[in-house]
Each structure stands twice: as C-alpha cells, then as structure tokens.
C-alpha cells in the first residue's frame, strides 16, 4: 500500500471505478498518476449513457459518450483552502 503523498505535490492519482472488459475491449490501465507535463487522454467508446466525474460526486457528471475525448492534467492554477 502506498503511503500517499503530500498536499502540496503537483500531481493527481486516478483509479478506474468499474473496469469491465468486454469480449471486444480489454482493460489496460486501471490506476495511475498524472504529473508535470504528463497528461491522461481518454476517448469514450460508449454509444450512450457514458459519464465522467470526479471525487465520486455523480451529480457533477459530464456526458462522455462515443467519440468524446477528455484530457486530464494538473492545473496551472492553484486553489487555496481557507478555514
């Protein structure tokens, strides 16, 4: 198990929520990291009902159907937590 990483590190970690391979598709990548100039580019092959969302908040889902491409990268803009 990974000990995690510091709050100030400029990276993202991802996990595929439901990696279901079919007879025509495989599952090659189910966990990884995005950092620096590395980006994660995804193309949907789902004909309908595909969605993409972050942090498990399904209400914030964006339609992600066949032909849609999403590029995930670390933002140049940083957020600030105010308590």
PDB file of N, CA and C in Angstrom:
ATOM      1  N   UNK A   1       0.834  -1.177   0.000  1.00  0.00           N
ATOM      2  CA  UNK A   1       0.000   0.000   0.000  1.00  0.00           C
ATOM      3  C   UNK A   1       0.881   1.244   0.000  1.00  0.00           C
ATOM      4  N   UNK A   2       0.511   2.216  -0.815  1.00  0.00           N
ATOM      5  CA  UNK A   2       1.258   3.466  -0.908  1.00  0.00           C
ATOM      6  C   UNK A   2       0.971   4.337   0.315  1.00  0.00           C
ATOM      7  N   UNK A   3       1.996   5.023   0.852  1.00  0.00           N
ATOM      8  CA  UNK A   3       1.777   5.895   1.999  1.00  0.00           C
ATOM      9  C   UNK A   3       1.079   7.202   1.627  1.00  0.00           C
ATOM     10  N   UNK A   4       0.746   7.386   0.360  1.00  0.00           N
ATOM     11  CA  UNK A   4       0.103   8.618  -0.080  1.00  0.00           C
ATOM     12  C   UNK A   4       1.136   9.640  -0.518  1.00  0.00           C
ATOM     13  N   UNK A   5       0.704  10.899  -0.580  1.00  0.00           N
ATOM     14  CA  UNK A   5       1.632  11.946  -0.968  1.00  0.00           C
ATOM     15  C   UNK A   5       1.229  13.251  -0.301  1.00  0.00           C
ATOM     16  N   UNK A   6       2.126  14.197  -0.304  1.00  0.00           N
ATOM     17  CA  UNK A   6       1.932  15.473   0.377  1.00  0.00           C
ATOM     18  C   UNK A   6       0.865  16.329  -0.314  1.00  0.00           C
ATOM     19  N   UNK A   7       0.150  17.144   0.469  1.00  0.00           N
ATOM     20  CA  UNK A   7      -0.895  18.019  -0.070  1.00  0.00           C
ATOM     21  C   UNK A   7      -0.354  19.008  -1.094  1.00  0.00           C
ATOM     22  N   UNK A   8       0.920  19.377  -1.002  1.00  0.00           N
ATOM     23  CA  UNK A   8       1.456  20.395  -1.913  1.00  0.00           C
ATOM     24  C   UNK A   8       2.103  19.805  -3.170  1.00  0.00           C
ATOM     25  N   UNK A   9       2.057  18.501  -3.331  1.00  0.00           N
ATOM     26  CA  UNK A   9       2.590  17.896  -4.551  1.00  0.00           C
ATOM     27  C   UNK A   9       1.677  18.197  -5.728  1.00  0.00           C
ATOM     28  N   UNK A  10       2.265  18.484  -6.853  1.00  0.00           N
ATOM     29  CA  UNK A  10       1.501  18.825  -8.051  1.00  0.00           C
ATOM     30  C   UNK A  10       1.295  17.572  -8.898  1.00  0.00           C
ATOM     31  N   UNK A  11       0.386  16.726  -8.409  1.00  0.00           N
ATOM     32  CA  UNK A  11       0.069  15.515  -9.147  1.00  0.00           C
ATOM     33  C   UNK A  11      -1.342  15.070  -8.799  1.00  0.00           C
ATOM     34  N   UNK A  12      -1.876  14.235  -9.649  1.00  0.00           N
ATOM     35  CA  UNK A  12      -3.188  13.642  -9.454  1.00  0.00           C
ATOM     36  C   UNK A  12      -3.026  12.129  -9.527  1.00  0.00           C
ATOM     37  N   UNK A  13      -3.795  11.423  -8.742  1.00  0.00           N
ATOM     38  CA  UNK A  13      -3.845   9.973  -8.866  1.00  0.00           C
ATOM     39  C   UNK A  13      -5.256   9.604  -9.293  1.00  0.00           C
ATOM     40  N   UNK A  14      -5.369   8.558 -10.092  1.00  0.00           N
ATOM     41  CA  UNK A  14      -6.689   8.151 -10.563  1.00  0.00           C
ATOM     42  C   UNK A  14      -6.843   6.645 -10.473  1.00  0.00           C
ATOM     43  N   UNK A  15      -8.098   6.243 -10.383  1.00  0.00           N
ATOM     44  CA  UNK A  15      -8.454   4.823 -10.403  1.00  0.00           C
ATOM     45  C   UNK A  15      -9.717   4.677 -11.232  1.00  0.00           C
ATOM     46  N   UNK A  16      -9.781   3.637 -12.039  1.00  0.00           N
ATOM     47  CA  UNK A  16     -10.965   3.360 -12.828  1.00  0.00           C
ATOM     48  C   UNK A  16     -11.990   2.736 -11.899  1.00  0.00           C
ATOM     49  N   UNK A  17     -13.159   3.332 -11.824  1.00  0.00           N
ATOM     50  CA  UNK A  17     -14.164   2.896 -10.855  1.00  0.00           C
ATOM     51  C   UNK A  17     -14.711   1.504 -11.154  1.00  0.00           C
ATOM     52  N   UNK A  18     -15.051   1.242 -12.384  1.00  0.00           N
ATOM     53  CA  UNK A  18     -15.634  -0.052 -12.752  1.00  0.00           C
ATOM     54  C   UNK A  18     -15.010  -0.540 -14.061  1.00  0.00           C
ATOM     55  N   UNK A  19     -13.830  -1.128 -13.983  1.00  0.00           N
ATOM     56  CA  UNK A  19     -13.137  -1.564 -15.204  1.00  0.00           C
ATOM     57  C   UNK A  19     -13.675  -2.893 -15.734  1.00  0.00           C
ATOM     58  N   UNK A  20     -14.757  -2.829 -16.518  1.00  0.00           N
ATOM     59  CA  UNK A  20     -15.377  -4.043 -17.039  1.00  0.00           C
ATOM     60  C   UNK A  20     -14.920  -4.307 -18.473  1.00  0.00           C
ATOM     61  N   UNK A  21     -14.044  -5.287 -18.668  1.00  0.00           N
ATOM     62  CA  UNK A  21     -13.661  -5.624 -20.039  1.00  0.00           C
ATOM     63  C   UNK A  21     -14.789  -6.385 -20.733  1.00  0.00           C
ATOM     64  N   UNK A  22     -14.920  -6.168 -22.039  1.00  0.00           N
ATOM     65  CA  UNK A  22     -15.897  -6.928 -22.818  1.00  0.00           C
ATOM     66  C   UNK A  22     -15.137  -7.894 -23.717  1.00  0.00           C
ATOM     67  N   UNK A  23     -15.861  -8.595 -24.572  1.00  0.00           N
ATOM     68  CA  UNK A  23     -15.203  -9.531 -25.491  1.00  0.00           C
ATOM     69  C   UNK A  23     -14.402  -8.792 -26.559  1.00  0.00           C
ATOM     70  N   UNK A  24     -14.731  -7.518 -26.816  1.00  0.00           N
ATOM     71  CA  UNK A  24     -14.017  -6.772 -27.849  1.00  0.00           C
ATOM     72  C   UNK A  24     -13.055  -5.730 -27.286  1.00  0.00           C
ATOM     73  N   UNK A  25     -13.137  -5.470 -25.978  1.00  0.00           N
ATOM     74  CA  UNK A  25     -12.232  -4.490 -25.375  1.00  0.00           C
ATOM     75  C   UNK A  25     -11.522  -5.128 -24.197  1.00  0.00           C
ATOM     76  N   UNK A  26     -10.393  -4.598 -23.870  1.00  0.00           N
ATOM     77  CA  UNK A  26      -9.659  -5.064 -22.705  1.00  0.00           C
ATOM     78  C   UNK A  26      -9.563  -3.957 -21.679  1.00  0.00           C
ATOM     79  N   UNK A  27      -8.910  -4.257 -20.588  1.00  0.00           N
ATOM     80  CA  UNK A  27      -8.650  -3.256 -19.560  1.00  0.00           C
ATOM     81  C   UNK A  27      -7.139  -3.206 -19.388  1.00  0.00           C
ATOM     82  N   UNK A  28      -6.533  -2.114 -19.854  1.00  0.00           N
ATOM     83  CA  UNK A  28      -5.077  -1.997 -19.805  1.00  0.00           C
ATOM     84  C   UNK A  28      -4.601  -1.101 -18.671  1.00  0.00           C
ATOM     85  N   UNK A  29      -5.419  -0.137 -18.269  1.00  0.00           N
ATOM     86  CA  UNK A  29      -4.988   0.843 -17.282  1.00  0.00           C
ATOM     87  C   UNK A  29      -6.116   1.069 -16.283  1.00  0.00           C
ATOM     88  N   UNK A  30      -5.900   0.728 -15.028  1.00  0.00           N
ATOM     89  CA  UNK A  30      -6.954   0.897 -14.018  1.00  0.00           C
ATOM     90  C   UNK A  30      -6.527   1.822 -12.876  1.00  0.00           C
ATOM     91  N   UNK A  31      -5.250   2.188 -12.816  1.00  0.00           N
ATOM     92  CA  UNK A  31      -4.747   3.077 -11.788  1.00  0.00           C
ATOM     93  C   UNK A  31      -3.521   3.784 -12.335  1.00  0.00           C
ATOM     94  N   UNK A  32      -3.325   5.036 -11.941  1.00  0.00           N
ATOM     95  CA  UNK A  32      -2.144   5.737 -12.412  1.00  0.00           C
ATOM     96  C   UNK A  32      -2.011   7.114 -11.814  1.00  0.00           C
ATOM     97  N   UNK A  33      -1.061   7.863 -12.388  1.00  0.00           N
ATOM     98  CA  UNK A  33      -0.725   9.181 -11.878  1.00  0.00           C
ATOM     99  C   UNK A  33      -0.556  10.158 -13.034  1.00  0.00           C
ATOM    100  N   UNK A  34      -0.986  11.382 -12.818  1.00  0.00           N
ATOM    101  CA  UNK A  34      -0.801  12.472 -13.779  1.00  0.00           C
ATOM    102  C   UNK A  34       0.020  13.527 -13.065  1.00  0.00           C
ATOM    103  N   UNK A  35       1.155  13.915 -13.646  1.00  0.00           N
ATOM    104  CA  UNK A  35       2.001  14.930 -13.014  1.00  0.00           C
ATOM    105  C   UNK A  35       2.815  15.654 -14.060  1.00  0.00           C
ATOM    106  N   UNK A  36       3.267  16.858 -13.711  1.00  0.00           N
ATOM    107  CA  UNK A  36       4.103  17.638 -14.606  1.00  0.00           C
ATOM    108  C   UNK A  36       3.476  17.809 -15.974  1.00  0.00           C
ATOM    109  N   UNK A  37       4.250  17.540 -17.013  1.00  0.00           N
ATOM    110  CA  UNK A  37       3.764  17.683 -18.380  1.00  0.00           C
ATOM    111  C   UNK A  37       2.972  16.446 -18.841  1.00  0.00           C
ATOM    112  N   UNK A  38       2.952  15.395 -18.018  1.00  0.00           N
ATOM    113  CA  UNK A  38       2.206  14.176 -18.379  1.00  0.00           C
ATOM    114  C   UNK A  38       0.717  14.426 -18.259  1.00  0.00           C
ATOM    115  N   UNK A  39      -0.009  14.047 -19.264  1.00  0.00           N
ATOM    116  CA  UNK A  39      -1.465  14.162 -19.236  1.00  0.00           C
ATOM    117  C   UNK A  39      -2.073  12.779 -19.454  1.00  0.00           C
ATOM    118  N   UNK A  40      -3.338  12.678 -19.128  1.00  0.00           N
ATOM    119  CA  UNK A  40      -4.090  11.449 -19.371  1.00  0.00           C
ATOM    120  C   UNK A  40      -5.164  11.802 -20.380  1.00  0.00           C
ATOM    121  N   UNK A  41      -5.132  11.160 -21.532  1.00  0.00           N
ATOM    122  CA  UNK A  41      -6.114  11.413 -22.582  1.00  0.00           C
ATOM    123  C   UNK A  41      -7.008  10.191 -22.718  1.00  0.00           C
ATOM    124  N   UNK A  42      -8.320  10.422 -22.614  1.00  0.00           N
ATOM    125  CA  UNK A  42      -9.296   9.342 -22.680  1.00  0.00           C
ATOM    126  C   UNK A  42     -10.270   9.574 -23.816  1.00  0.00           C
ATOM    127  N   UNK A  43     -10.593   8.532 -24.548  1.00  0.00           N
ATOM    128  CA  UNK A  43     -11.618   8.615 -25.585  1.00  0.00           C
ATOM    129  C   UNK A  43     -12.705   7.601 -25.268  1.00  0.00           C
ATOM    130  N   UNK A  44     -13.952   8.065 -25.252  1.00  0.00           N
ATOM    131  CA  UNK A  44     -15.073   7.186 -24.949  1.00  0.00           C
ATOM    132  C   UNK A  44     -15.465   6.355 -26.164  1.00  0.00           C
ATOM    133  N   UNK A  45     -15.792   5.113 -25.897  1.00  0.00           N
ATOM    134  CA  UNK A  45     -16.325   4.220 -26.927  1.00  0.00           C
ATOM    135  C   UNK A  45     -17.717   3.738 -26.539  1.00  0.00           C
ATOM    136  N   UNK A  46     -18.296   4.386 -25.527  1.00  0.00           N
ATOM    137  CA  UNK A  46     -19.655   4.020 -25.085  1.00  0.00           C
ATOM    138  C   UNK A  46     -20.672   4.719 -25.976  1.00  0.00           C
ATOM    139  N   UNK A  47     -21.561   3.985 -26.620  1.00  0.00           N
ATOM    140  CA  UNK A  47     -22.520   4.611 -27.522  1.00  0.00           C
ATOM    141  C   UNK A  47     -23.513   5.527 -26.802  1.00  0.00           C
ATOM    142  N   UNK A  48     -23.839   5.222 -25.547  1.00  0.00           N
ATOM    143  CA  UNK A  48     -24.772   6.074 -24.801  1.00  0.00           C
ATOM    144  C   UNK A  48     -24.597   5.846 -23.302  1.00  0.00           C
ATOM    145  N   UNK A  49     -25.074   6.788 -22.515  1.00  0.00           N
ATOM    146  CA  UNK A  49     -25.047   6.745 -21.048  1.00  0.00           C
ATOM    147  C   UNK A  49     -23.646   6.786 -20.447  1.00  0.00           C
ATOM    148  N   UNK A  50     -22.655   7.191 -21.209  1.00  0.00           N
ATOM    149  CA  UNK A  50     -21.312   7.352 -20.662  1.00  0.00           C
ATOM    150  C   UNK A  50     -21.217   8.654 -19.885  1.00  0.00           C
ATOM    151  N   UNK A  51     -20.518   8.636 -18.767  1.00  0.00           N
ATOM    152  CA  UNK A  51     -20.318   9.840 -17.970  1.00  0.00           C
ATOM    153  C   UNK A  51     -18.892   9.864 -17.439  1.00  0.00           C
ATOM    154  N   UNK A  52     -18.446  11.061 -17.082  1.00  0.00           N
ATOM    155  CA  UNK A  52     -17.150  11.233 -16.435  1.00  0.00           C
ATOM    156  C   UNK A  52     -17.377  12.198 -15.284  1.00  0.00           C
ATOM    157  N   UNK A  53     -16.812  11.859 -14.106  1.00  0.00           N
ATOM    158  CA  UNK A  53     -16.970  12.731 -12.952  1.00  0.00           C
ATOM    159  C   UNK A  53     -15.782  12.564 -12.022  1.00  0.00           C
ATOM    160  N   UNK A  54     -15.661  13.473 -11.072  1.00  0.00           N
ATOM    161  CA  UNK A  54     -14.524  13.488 -10.166  1.00  0.00           C
ATOM    162  C   UNK A  54     -14.986  13.376  -8.725  1.00  0.00           C
ATOM    163  N   UNK A  55     -14.148  12.851  -7.885  1.00  0.00           N
ATOM    164  CA  UNK A  55     -14.373  12.776  -6.441  1.00  0.00           C
ATOM    165  C   UNK A  55     -15.639  12.034  -6.051  1.00  0.00           C
ATOM    166  N   UNK A  56     -16.148  11.166  -6.905  1.00  0.00           N
ATOM    167  CA  UNK A  56     -17.316  10.367  -6.552  1.00  0.00           C
ATOM    168  C   UNK A  56     -18.623  11.133  -6.501  1.00  0.00           C
ATOM    169  N   UNK A  57     -18.638  12.344  -7.005  1.00  0.00           N
ATOM    170  CA  UNK A  57     -19.855  13.159  -6.974  1.00  0.00           C
ATOM    171  C   UNK A  57     -20.571  12.998  -8.303  1.00  0.00           C
ATOM    172  N   UNK A  58     -21.458  12.025  -8.371  1.00  0.00           N
ATOM    173  CA  UNK A  58     -22.141  11.710  -9.620  1.00  0.00           C
ATOM    174  C   UNK A  58     -23.030  12.849 -10.107  1.00  0.00           C
ATOM    175  N   UNK A  59     -23.496  13.722  -9.205  1.00  0.00           N
ATOM    176  CA  UNK A  59     -24.344  14.852  -9.607  1.00  0.00           C
ATOM    177  C   UNK A  59     -23.578  15.829 -10.497  1.00  0.00           C
ATOM    178  N   UNK A  60     -22.246  15.806 -10.440  1.00  0.00           N
ATOM    179  CA  UNK A  60     -21.412  16.691 -11.265  1.00  0.00           C
ATOM    180  C   UNK A  60     -20.975  16.028 -12.568  1.00  0.00           C
ATOM    181  N   UNK A  61     -21.620  14.935 -12.940  1.00  0.00           N
ATOM    182  CA  UNK A  61     -21.210  14.167 -14.116  1.00  0.00           C
ATOM    183  C   UNK A  61     -21.349  14.977 -15.401  1.00  0.00           C
ATOM    184  N   UNK A  62     -20.437  14.725 -16.321  1.00  0.00           N
ATOM    185  CA  UNK A  62     -20.450  15.322 -17.656  1.00  0.00           C
ATOM    186  C   UNK A  62     -20.688  14.174 -18.637  1.00  0.00           C
ATOM    187  N   UNK A  63     -21.588  14.350 -19.625  1.00  0.00           N
ATOM    188  CA  UNK A  63     -21.785  13.287 -20.617  1.00  0.00           C
ATOM    189  C   UNK A  63     -20.461  12.921 -21.301  1.00  0.00           C
ATOM    190  N   UNK A  64     -20.212  11.629 -21.471  1.00  0.00           N
ATOM    191  CA  UNK A  64     -18.958  11.155 -22.063  1.00  0.00           C
ATOM    192  C   UNK A  64     -19.271   9.957 -22.948  1.00  0.00           C
ATOM    193  N   UNK A  65     -19.889  10.248 -24.075  1.00  0.00           N
ATOM    194  CA  UNK A  65     -20.308   9.200 -24.999  1.00  0.00           C
ATOM    195  C   UNK A  65     -19.308   9.020 -26.130  1.00  0.00           C
ATOM    196  N   UNK A  66     -19.541   8.045 -26.976  1.00  0.00           N
ATOM    197  CA  UNK A  66     -18.628   7.657 -28.040  1.00  0.00           C
ATOM    198  C   UNK A  66     -18.121   8.858 -28.842  1.00  0.00           C
ATOM    199  N   UNK A  67     -16.797   8.922 -28.992  1.00  0.00           N
ATOM    200  CA  UNK A  67     -16.164   9.994 -29.744  1.00  0.00           C
ATOM    201  C   UNK A  67     -15.693  11.157 -28.883  1.00  0.00           C
ATOM    202  N   UNK A  68     -16.206  11.275 -27.669  1.00  0.00           N
ATOM    203  CA  UNK A  68     -15.765  12.350 -26.759  1.00  0.00           C
ATOM    204  C   UNK A  68     -14.345  12.055 -26.286  1.00  0.00           C
ATOM    205  N   UNK A  69     -13.547  13.106 -26.162  1.00  0.00           N
ATOM    206  CA  UNK A  69     -12.173  12.975 -25.670  1.00  0.00           C
ATOM    207  C   UNK A  69     -12.011  13.891 -24.469  1.00  0.00           C
ATOM    208  N   UNK A  70     -11.450  13.358 -23.396  1.00  0.00           N
ATOM    209  CA  UNK A  70     -11.150  14.139 -22.196  1.00  0.00           C
ATOM    210  C   UNK A  70      -9.646  14.101 -21.971  1.00  0.00           C
ATOM    211  N   UNK A  71      -9.063  15.267 -21.711  1.00  0.00           N
ATOM    212  CA  UNK A  71      -7.639  15.344 -21.396  1.00  0.00           C
ATOM    213  C   UNK A  71      -7.518  15.838 -19.962  1.00  0.00           C
ATOM    214  N   UNK A  72      -6.915  15.031 -19.108  1.00  0.00           N
ATOM    215  CA  UNK A  72      -6.777  15.323 -17.692  1.00  0.00           C
ATOM    216  C   UNK A  72      -5.328  15.737 -17.431  1.00  0.00           C
ATOM    217  N   UNK A  73      -5.159  16.889 -16.754  1.00  0.00           N
ATOM    218  CA  UNK A  73      -3.811  17.347 -16.413  1.00  0.00           C
ATOM    219  C   UNK A  73      -3.869  18.145 -15.117  1.00  0.00           C
ATOM    220  N   UNK A  74      -2.707  18.367 -14.531  1.00  0.00           N
ATOM    221  CA  UNK A  74      -2.615  19.179 -13.331  1.00  0.00           C
ATOM    222  C   UNK A  74      -2.779  20.636 -13.755  1.00  0.00           C
ATOM    223  N   UNK A  75      -3.664  21.342 -13.077  1.00  0.00           N
ATOM    224  CA  UNK A  75      -3.941  22.735 -13.411  1.00  0.00           C
ATOM    225  C   UNK A  75      -2.762  23.639 -13.051  1.00  0.00           C
ATOM    226  N   UNK A  76      -2.572  24.686 -13.834  1.00  0.00           N
ATOM    227  CA  UNK A  76      -1.562  25.690 -13.515  1.00  0.00           C
ATOM    228  C   UNK A  76      -2.046  26.599 -12.392  1.00  0.00           C
ATOM    229  N   UNK A  77      -3.375  26.671 -12.204  1.00  0.00           N
ATOM    230  CA  UNK A  77      -3.969  27.489 -11.155  1.00  0.00           C
ATOM    231  C   UNK A  77      -4.128  26.663  -9.891  1.00  0.00           C
ATOM    232  N   UNK A  78      -3.692  27.208  -8.761  1.00  0.00           N
ATOM    233  CA  UNK A  78      -3.809  26.504  -7.500  1.00  0.00           C
ATOM    234  C   UNK A  78      -4.961  27.033  -6.676  1.00  0.00           C
ATOM    235  N   UNK A  79      -5.634  26.146  -5.988  1.00  0.00           N
ATOM    236  CA  UNK A  79      -6.693  26.547  -5.070  1.00  0.00           C
ATOM    237  C   UNK A  79      -6.098  26.849  -3.706  1.00  0.00           C
ATOM    238  N   UNK A  80      -6.825  27.595  -2.898  1.00  0.00           N
ATOM    239  CA  UNK A  80      -6.384  27.915  -1.551  1.00  0.00           C
ATOM    240  C   UNK A  80      -7.499  27.516  -0.584  1.00  0.00           C
ATOM    241  N   UNK A  81      -7.164  26.726   0.402  1.00  0.00           N
ATOM    242  CA  UNK A  81      -8.120  26.311   1.414  1.00  0.00           C
ATOM    243  C   UNK A  81      -8.134  27.335   2.538  1.00  0.00           C
ATOM    244  N   UNK A  82      -9.310  27.904   2.804  1.00  0.00           N
ATOM    245  CA  UNK A  82      -9.455  28.899   3.866  1.00  0.00           C
ATOM    246  C   UNK A  82     -10.330  28.287   4.945  1.00  0.00           C
ATOM    247  N   UNK A  83      -9.829  28.257   6.151  1.00  0.00           N
ATOM    248  CA  UNK A  83     -10.580  27.679   7.271  1.00  0.00           C
ATOM    249  C   UNK A  83     -11.151  28.779   8.155  1.00  0.00           C
TER     250      UNK A  83
END
